Amino acid sequence: MDLTFKIVRRLLRDDDVAFSRNRNFEAYQDPRVKRALRLYRHLRSLERDLLRLGQPDQVRLEAVEREGEQVVVRLEFLEQRGERVSYLSAEEWGLLLESERVCAILSDLLEKAPAAVRRALGREYIERPDQAEVDAATNEVK
C-alpha cells in the first residue's frame, strides 16, 4: 500500500493520532502528506454523512455505482435539499469500508438493492435474484 494511503488509514482509524501542523511543519511540505490530508478530510466527511444514514429524515443513499475503477456514492440530504456525489478510487473505497459502522450501514442497504446494483459493485448474491431477472429467465425458457 502506498505511503499516502497508510497515512490516511492511520488518521481515519487511530483516534490517538494528533498530527499538528505546528509540530510537524516539515512533514506538511511533502506532497504525499498534503495529498493524504486532503483524502483524509474527504473520507472523514463522507464517512460522517454515511453514518447519518442511520438517522431517519436526514440523509438518503441514492446510489453506489462502479464506473470503471471508480466507485460513485450519491447521497441526498433531505433537510437541506442538497445532494453529494463522491468519486472514490478502489483504495479509497476500501479505506471507507474499514469502518465497521459504515460497512454495516452499506451492507444493509446493499441487501435491499436490486441485483444490478450488487453486480455493479461486485457483490452478487445468488440466493436472492432480482424479480426482473426471474422474469427474464422465465421468458427465455418459454
N, C-alpha and C. Protein backbone atom coordinates (compact mmCIF):
# COMPACT_ATOMS: atom_id res chain seq x y z
N MET A 1 0.84 -1.17 0.00
CA MET A 1 0.00 0.00 0.00
C MET A 1 0.89 1.24 0.00
N ASP A 2 0.48 2.21 -0.75
CA ASP A 2 1.17 3.48 -0.89
C ASP A 2 1.25 4.21 0.47
N LEU A 3 2.32 4.96 0.66
CA LEU A 3 2.51 5.72 1.90
C LEU A 3 1.34 6.66 2.16
N THR A 4 0.83 7.27 1.10
CA THR A 4 -0.30 8.19 1.25
C THR A 4 -1.48 7.50 1.91
N PHE A 5 -1.81 6.29 1.44
CA PHE A 5 -2.96 5.58 1.98
C PHE A 5 -2.68 5.05 3.39
N LYS A 6 -1.43 4.78 3.70
CA LYS A 6 -1.09 4.38 5.07
C LYS A 6 -1.33 5.54 6.04
N ILE A 7 -0.97 6.74 5.60
CA ILE A 7 -1.19 7.93 6.43
C ILE A 7 -2.69 8.16 6.61
N VAL A 8 -3.45 8.04 5.52
CA VAL A 8 -4.90 8.24 5.59
C VAL A 8 -5.53 7.22 6.53
N ARG A 9 -5.15 5.96 6.40
CA ARG A 9 -5.69 4.91 7.27
C ARG A 9 -5.42 5.24 8.74
N ARG A 10 -4.20 5.64 9.02
CA ARG A 10 -3.84 5.94 10.42
C ARG A 10 -4.65 7.12 10.95
N LEU A 11 -4.81 8.16 10.13
CA LEU A 11 -5.58 9.32 10.57
C LEU A 11 -7.06 8.97 10.77
N LEU A 12 -7.60 8.13 9.90
CA LEU A 12 -9.01 7.76 10.00
C LEU A 12 -9.30 6.84 11.17
N ARG A 13 -8.43 5.88 11.42
CA ARG A 13 -8.74 4.80 12.36
C ARG A 13 -8.11 4.94 13.73
N ASP A 14 -7.04 5.72 13.86
CA ASP A 14 -6.38 5.87 15.16
C ASP A 14 -6.79 7.19 15.79
N ASP A 15 -7.60 7.11 16.82
CA ASP A 15 -8.07 8.33 17.48
C ASP A 15 -6.95 9.02 18.26
N ASP A 16 -5.90 8.29 18.58
CA ASP A 16 -4.81 8.85 19.38
C ASP A 16 -3.84 9.70 18.55
N VAL A 17 -3.97 9.67 17.23
CA VAL A 17 -3.04 10.39 16.38
C VAL A 17 -3.36 11.88 16.40
N ALA A 18 -2.37 12.67 16.80
CA ALA A 18 -2.50 14.13 16.76
C ALA A 18 -1.44 14.62 15.79
N PHE A 19 -1.85 14.97 14.60
CA PHE A 19 -0.91 15.36 13.55
C PHE A 19 -0.95 16.87 13.40
N SER A 20 -0.40 17.56 14.38
CA SER A 20 -0.43 19.01 14.43
C SER A 20 0.43 19.61 13.32
N ARG A 21 -0.10 20.65 12.69
CA ARG A 21 0.64 21.34 11.64
C ARG A 21 1.87 22.04 12.22
N ASN A 22 1.77 22.57 13.42
CA ASN A 22 2.90 23.27 14.03
C ASN A 22 4.03 22.32 14.41
N ARG A 23 3.68 21.17 14.98
CA ARG A 23 4.71 20.22 15.40
C ARG A 23 5.31 19.46 14.24
N ASN A 24 4.59 19.33 13.16
CA ASN A 24 5.05 18.55 12.01
C ASN A 24 5.16 19.43 10.77
N PHE A 25 5.70 20.62 10.95
CA PHE A 25 5.75 21.60 9.87
C PHE A 25 6.45 21.05 8.63
N GLU A 26 7.57 20.37 8.81
CA GLU A 26 8.33 19.85 7.68
C GLU A 26 7.58 18.75 6.95
N ALA A 27 6.85 17.94 7.68
CA ALA A 27 6.08 16.86 7.04
C ALA A 27 4.99 17.44 6.14
N TYR A 28 4.44 18.56 6.54
CA TYR A 28 3.38 19.18 5.75
C TYR A 28 3.89 19.73 4.42
N GLN A 29 5.19 19.81 4.24
CA GLN A 29 5.75 20.28 2.98
C GLN A 29 5.81 19.17 1.93
N ASP A 30 5.71 17.92 2.38
CA ASP A 30 5.77 16.76 1.49
C ASP A 30 4.44 16.64 0.73
N PRO A 31 4.48 16.54 -0.61
CA PRO A 31 3.25 16.44 -1.40
C PRO A 31 2.41 15.20 -1.05
N ARG A 32 3.07 14.11 -0.66
CA ARG A 32 2.32 12.90 -0.29
C ARG A 32 1.51 13.13 0.98
N VAL A 33 2.09 13.86 1.92
CA VAL A 33 1.38 14.17 3.17
C VAL A 33 0.22 15.12 2.88
N LYS A 34 0.45 16.10 2.02
CA LYS A 34 -0.63 17.03 1.65
C LYS A 34 -1.79 16.27 1.00
N ARG A 35 -1.45 15.35 0.11
CA ARG A 35 -2.49 14.55 -0.56
C ARG A 35 -3.21 13.67 0.46
N ALA A 36 -2.46 13.08 1.38
CA ALA A 36 -3.06 12.22 2.41
C ALA A 36 -4.03 13.01 3.28
N LEU A 37 -3.67 14.22 3.65
CA LEU A 37 -4.56 15.04 4.46
C LEU A 37 -5.82 15.43 3.70
N ARG A 38 -5.66 15.72 2.42
CA ARG A 38 -6.82 16.05 1.59
C ARG A 38 -7.77 14.85 1.49
N LEU A 39 -7.19 13.65 1.25
CA LEU A 39 -8.00 12.43 1.20
C LEU A 39 -8.66 12.13 2.54
N TYR A 40 -7.91 12.33 3.61
CA TYR A 40 -8.44 12.09 4.95
C TYR A 40 -9.66 12.97 5.21
N ARG A 41 -9.55 14.25 4.90
CA ARG A 41 -10.68 15.16 5.13
C ARG A 41 -11.89 14.76 4.28
N HIS A 42 -11.64 14.37 3.04
CA HIS A 42 -12.73 13.94 2.15
C HIS A 42 -13.40 12.68 2.68
N LEU A 43 -12.61 11.67 3.03
CA LEU A 43 -13.18 10.41 3.51
C LEU A 43 -13.85 10.56 4.87
N ARG A 44 -13.27 11.38 5.74
CA ARG A 44 -13.89 11.62 7.05
C ARG A 44 -15.25 12.29 6.88
N SER A 45 -15.34 13.24 5.98
CA SER A 45 -16.60 13.93 5.72
C SER A 45 -17.64 12.97 5.14
N LEU A 46 -17.23 12.16 4.18
CA LEU A 46 -18.14 11.19 3.57
C LEU A 46 -18.57 10.15 4.60
N GLU A 47 -17.65 9.72 5.44
CA GLU A 47 -17.97 8.75 6.49
C GLU A 47 -19.02 9.32 7.45
N ARG A 48 -18.86 10.57 7.83
CA ARG A 48 -19.85 11.21 8.71
C ARG A 48 -21.22 11.27 8.05
N ASP A 49 -21.25 11.60 6.77
CA ASP A 49 -22.53 11.65 6.06
C ASP A 49 -23.16 10.28 5.97
N LEU A 50 -22.36 9.25 5.73
CA LEU A 50 -22.89 7.89 5.66
C LEU A 50 -23.41 7.44 7.02
N LEU A 51 -22.74 7.83 8.09
CA LEU A 51 -23.20 7.46 9.42
C LEU A 51 -24.52 8.15 9.77
N ARG A 52 -24.78 9.28 9.14
CA ARG A 52 -26.06 9.96 9.35
C ARG A 52 -27.20 9.22 8.65
N LEU A 53 -26.88 8.25 7.80
CA LEU A 53 -27.92 7.46 7.15
C LEU A 53 -28.74 6.69 8.17
N GLY A 54 -28.14 6.38 9.30
CA GLY A 54 -28.85 5.66 10.35
C GLY A 54 -29.94 6.51 10.99
N GLN A 55 -29.87 7.82 10.81
CA GLN A 55 -30.88 8.72 11.37
C GLN A 55 -31.93 9.01 10.30
N PRO A 56 -33.17 8.61 10.54
CA PRO A 56 -34.20 8.85 9.53
C PRO A 56 -34.41 10.34 9.28
N ASP A 57 -34.84 10.66 8.10
CA ASP A 57 -35.16 12.04 7.69
C ASP A 57 -33.93 12.95 7.66
N GLN A 58 -32.74 12.40 7.58
CA GLN A 58 -31.52 13.20 7.48
C GLN A 58 -30.91 13.08 6.08
N VAL A 59 -30.48 11.87 5.78
CA VAL A 59 -29.76 11.62 4.54
C VAL A 59 -30.30 10.34 3.92
N ARG A 60 -30.36 10.32 2.59
CA ARG A 60 -30.78 9.11 1.89
C ARG A 60 -29.70 8.75 0.87
N LEU A 61 -29.37 7.47 0.83
CA LEU A 61 -28.40 6.97 -0.14
C LEU A 61 -29.13 6.72 -1.45
N GLU A 62 -28.79 7.50 -2.48
CA GLU A 62 -29.44 7.34 -3.77
C GLU A 62 -28.83 6.19 -4.54
N ALA A 63 -27.51 6.12 -4.56
CA ALA A 63 -26.86 5.07 -5.34
C ALA A 63 -25.40 4.92 -4.93
N VAL A 64 -24.92 3.72 -5.12
CA VAL A 64 -23.49 3.43 -5.07
C VAL A 64 -23.22 2.67 -6.35
N GLU A 65 -22.41 3.25 -7.21
CA GLU A 65 -22.18 2.67 -8.53
C GLU A 65 -20.68 2.51 -8.77
N ARG A 66 -20.35 1.60 -9.64
CA ARG A 66 -18.97 1.43 -10.05
C ARG A 66 -18.86 1.87 -11.50
N GLU A 67 -17.99 2.85 -11.74
CA GLU A 67 -17.72 3.34 -13.09
C GLU A 67 -16.25 3.08 -13.38
N GLY A 68 -15.98 1.99 -14.05
CA GLY A 68 -14.60 1.61 -14.32
C GLY A 68 -13.90 1.28 -13.02
N GLU A 69 -12.83 2.01 -12.71
CA GLU A 69 -12.09 1.79 -11.47
C GLU A 69 -12.58 2.67 -10.34
N GLN A 70 -13.58 3.52 -10.60
CA GLN A 70 -14.08 4.42 -9.57
C GLN A 70 -15.38 3.91 -8.98
N VAL A 71 -15.60 4.25 -7.72
CA VAL A 71 -16.88 3.99 -7.05
C VAL A 71 -17.52 5.34 -6.83
N VAL A 72 -18.78 5.47 -7.24
CA VAL A 72 -19.51 6.72 -7.12
C VAL A 72 -20.57 6.55 -6.03
N VAL A 73 -20.53 7.41 -5.03
CA VAL A 73 -21.50 7.39 -3.93
C VAL A 73 -22.36 8.64 -4.06
N ARG A 74 -23.68 8.45 -4.18
CA ARG A 74 -24.61 9.57 -4.30
C ARG A 74 -25.50 9.63 -3.06
N LEU A 75 -25.44 10.76 -2.37
CA LEU A 75 -26.24 10.98 -1.16
C LEU A 75 -27.18 12.15 -1.38
N GLU A 76 -28.38 12.05 -0.83
CA GLU A 76 -29.34 13.15 -0.88
C GLU A 76 -29.61 13.61 0.55
N PHE A 77 -29.43 14.90 0.81
CA PHE A 77 -29.69 15.48 2.12
C PHE A 77 -31.11 16.02 2.11
N LEU A 78 -31.95 15.46 2.96
CA LEU A 78 -33.37 15.78 2.92
C LEU A 78 -33.68 17.14 3.55
N GLU A 79 -33.03 17.48 4.65
CA GLU A 79 -33.32 18.75 5.31
C GLU A 79 -32.81 19.94 4.51
N GLN A 80 -31.59 19.85 4.01
CA GLN A 80 -31.01 20.97 3.28
C GLN A 80 -31.35 20.95 1.80
N ARG A 81 -32.02 19.89 1.37
CA ARG A 81 -32.39 19.72 -0.04
C ARG A 81 -31.18 19.83 -0.95
N GLY A 82 -30.16 19.11 -0.57
CA GLY A 82 -28.93 19.10 -1.34
C GLY A 82 -28.55 17.69 -1.74
N GLU A 83 -27.47 17.60 -2.48
CA GLU A 83 -27.00 16.31 -2.96
C GLU A 83 -25.48 16.29 -2.89
N ARG A 84 -24.93 15.12 -2.66
CA ARG A 84 -23.48 14.96 -2.63
C ARG A 84 -23.13 13.77 -3.50
N VAL A 85 -22.19 13.98 -4.39
CA VAL A 85 -21.67 12.91 -5.24
C VAL A 85 -20.18 12.82 -4.98
N SER A 86 -19.73 11.64 -4.54
CA SER A 86 -18.31 11.44 -4.26
C SER A 86 -17.76 10.37 -5.18
N TYR A 87 -16.63 10.67 -5.79
CA TYR A 87 -15.93 9.72 -6.66
C TYR A 87 -14.72 9.20 -5.90
N LEU A 88 -14.68 7.89 -5.70
CA LEU A 88 -13.60 7.27 -4.93
C LEU A 88 -12.87 6.24 -5.76
N SER A 89 -11.56 6.15 -5.55
CA SER A 89 -10.79 5.07 -6.16
C SER A 89 -11.06 3.79 -5.37
N ALA A 90 -10.60 2.68 -5.88
CA ALA A 90 -10.78 1.40 -5.18
C ALA A 90 -10.11 1.42 -3.80
N GLU A 91 -8.93 2.05 -3.71
CA GLU A 91 -8.23 2.13 -2.43
C GLU A 91 -8.99 2.99 -1.43
N GLU A 92 -9.53 4.12 -1.90
CA GLU A 92 -10.29 5.00 -1.02
C GLU A 92 -11.57 4.31 -0.54
N TRP A 93 -12.24 3.58 -1.45
CA TRP A 93 -13.44 2.83 -1.10
C TRP A 93 -13.10 1.78 -0.04
N GLY A 94 -11.96 1.11 -0.20
CA GLY A 94 -11.53 0.12 0.78
C GLY A 94 -11.28 0.74 2.15
N LEU A 95 -10.66 1.92 2.18
CA LEU A 95 -10.43 2.60 3.45
C LEU A 95 -11.75 2.99 4.12
N LEU A 96 -12.72 3.40 3.31
CA LEU A 96 -14.02 3.76 3.86
C LEU A 96 -14.72 2.55 4.46
N LEU A 97 -14.57 1.40 3.81
CA LEU A 97 -15.23 0.19 4.29
C LEU A 97 -14.55 -0.42 5.51
N GLU A 98 -13.40 0.10 5.91
CA GLU A 98 -12.75 -0.40 7.12
C GLU A 98 -13.50 0.01 8.38
N SER A 99 -14.35 1.01 8.28
CA SER A 99 -15.19 1.40 9.41
C SER A 99 -16.33 0.40 9.53
N GLU A 100 -16.42 -0.26 10.68
CA GLU A 100 -17.46 -1.28 10.87
C GLU A 100 -18.85 -0.69 10.77
N ARG A 101 -19.05 0.51 11.29
CA ARG A 101 -20.38 1.13 11.26
C ARG A 101 -20.78 1.49 9.83
N VAL A 102 -19.85 2.05 9.06
CA VAL A 102 -20.15 2.39 7.67
C VAL A 102 -20.43 1.12 6.88
N CYS A 103 -19.62 0.11 7.10
CA CYS A 103 -19.78 -1.16 6.40
C CYS A 103 -21.14 -1.79 6.72
N ALA A 104 -21.56 -1.71 7.98
CA ALA A 104 -22.85 -2.28 8.37
C ALA A 104 -24.00 -1.54 7.70
N ILE A 105 -23.93 -0.22 7.65
CA ILE A 105 -24.98 0.57 7.00
C ILE A 105 -25.05 0.24 5.52
N LEU A 106 -23.89 0.21 4.86
CA LEU A 106 -23.88 -0.09 3.43
C LEU A 106 -24.31 -1.52 3.14
N SER A 107 -23.95 -2.46 4.02
CA SER A 107 -24.37 -3.85 3.82
C SER A 107 -25.88 -3.98 3.91
N ASP A 108 -26.49 -3.29 4.87
CA ASP A 108 -27.95 -3.32 4.99
C ASP A 108 -28.60 -2.77 3.73
N LEU A 109 -28.08 -1.65 3.24
CA LEU A 109 -28.65 -1.05 2.03
C LEU A 109 -28.40 -1.93 0.82
N LEU A 110 -27.24 -2.57 0.79
CA LEU A 110 -26.89 -3.41 -0.35
C LEU A 110 -27.77 -4.65 -0.42
N GLU A 111 -28.14 -5.19 0.72
CA GLU A 111 -29.02 -6.36 0.73
C GLU A 111 -30.38 -6.04 0.14
N LYS A 112 -30.82 -4.79 0.29
CA LYS A 112 -32.12 -4.36 -0.23
C LYS A 112 -32.04 -3.89 -1.67
N ALA A 113 -30.83 -3.72 -2.18
CA ALA A 113 -30.64 -3.19 -3.53
C ALA A 113 -30.95 -4.24 -4.58
N PRO A 114 -31.34 -3.80 -5.78
CA PRO A 114 -31.56 -4.75 -6.88
C PRO A 114 -30.26 -5.45 -7.28
N ALA A 115 -30.41 -6.56 -7.94
CA ALA A 115 -29.25 -7.37 -8.33
C ALA A 115 -28.29 -6.59 -9.22
N ALA A 116 -28.80 -5.71 -10.06
CA ALA A 116 -27.94 -4.95 -10.96
C ALA A 116 -26.96 -4.07 -10.18
N VAL A 117 -27.43 -3.47 -9.09
CA VAL A 117 -26.55 -2.63 -8.26
C VAL A 117 -25.50 -3.49 -7.58
N ARG A 118 -25.92 -4.63 -7.04
CA ARG A 118 -24.97 -5.53 -6.37
C ARG A 118 -23.93 -6.03 -7.35
N ARG A 119 -24.37 -6.36 -8.56
CA ARG A 119 -23.45 -6.87 -9.58
C ARG A 119 -22.45 -5.78 -9.97
N ALA A 120 -22.91 -4.54 -10.07
CA ALA A 120 -22.02 -3.43 -10.44
C ALA A 120 -20.93 -3.22 -9.40
N LEU A 121 -21.24 -3.55 -8.16
CA LEU A 121 -20.26 -3.40 -7.09
C LEU A 121 -19.45 -4.66 -6.85
N GLY A 122 -19.73 -5.71 -7.62
CA GLY A 122 -19.00 -6.95 -7.43
C GLY A 122 -19.48 -7.73 -6.22
N ARG A 123 -20.72 -7.51 -5.79
CA ARG A 123 -21.27 -8.18 -4.61
C ARG A 123 -22.55 -8.89 -5.01
N GLU A 124 -22.44 -9.93 -5.78
CA GLU A 124 -23.62 -10.66 -6.23
C GLU A 124 -24.08 -11.63 -5.15
N TYR A 125 -25.36 -11.70 -4.98
CA TYR A 125 -25.98 -12.65 -4.06
C TYR A 125 -26.86 -13.57 -4.89
N ILE A 126 -26.42 -14.78 -5.09
CA ILE A 126 -27.13 -15.71 -5.96
C ILE A 126 -28.46 -16.12 -5.34
N GLU A 127 -28.51 -16.24 -4.01
CA GLU A 127 -29.71 -16.75 -3.37
C GLU A 127 -30.90 -15.79 -3.45
N ARG A 128 -30.69 -14.53 -3.79
CA ARG A 128 -31.77 -13.56 -3.83
C ARG A 128 -31.79 -12.83 -5.17
N PRO A 129 -32.31 -13.45 -6.23
CA PRO A 129 -32.31 -12.78 -7.52
C PRO A 129 -33.34 -11.66 -7.56
N ASP A 130 -33.08 -10.69 -8.42
CA ASP A 130 -33.99 -9.59 -8.64
C ASP A 130 -35.21 -10.11 -9.41
N GLN A 131 -36.39 -9.54 -9.18
CA GLN A 131 -37.61 -10.00 -9.85
C GLN A 131 -37.49 -9.86 -11.36
N ALA A 132 -36.85 -8.81 -11.84
CA ALA A 132 -36.67 -8.63 -13.28
C ALA A 132 -35.82 -9.77 -13.87
N GLU A 133 -34.82 -10.22 -13.12
CA GLU A 133 -34.00 -11.34 -13.59
C GLU A 133 -34.81 -12.63 -13.63
N VAL A 134 -35.68 -12.82 -12.65
CA VAL A 134 -36.53 -14.02 -12.63
C VAL A 134 -37.46 -14.00 -13.84
N ASP A 135 -38.07 -12.84 -14.11
CA ASP A 135 -38.98 -12.72 -15.26
C ASP A 135 -38.23 -12.96 -16.57
N ALA A 136 -37.02 -12.41 -16.69
CA ALA A 136 -36.23 -12.58 -17.91
C ALA A 136 -35.86 -14.05 -18.10
N ALA A 137 -35.47 -14.71 -17.02
CA ALA A 137 -35.10 -16.12 -17.12
C ALA A 137 -36.31 -16.97 -17.47
N THR A 138 -37.48 -16.62 -16.94
CA THR A 138 -38.71 -17.36 -17.24
C THR A 138 -39.08 -17.20 -18.71
N ASN A 139 -38.92 -15.99 -19.24
CA ASN A 139 -39.25 -15.75 -20.65
C ASN A 139 -38.29 -16.47 -21.59
N GLU A 140 -37.03 -16.61 -21.18
CA GLU A 140 -36.06 -17.32 -22.02
C GLU A 140 -36.38 -18.80 -22.10
N VAL A 141 -36.91 -19.38 -21.03
CA VAL A 141 -37.23 -20.80 -21.00
C VAL A 141 -38.43 -21.09 -21.89
N LYS A 142 -39.40 -20.17 -21.95
CA LYS A 142 -40.63 -20.37 -22.74
C LYS A 142 -40.38 -20.36 -24.18
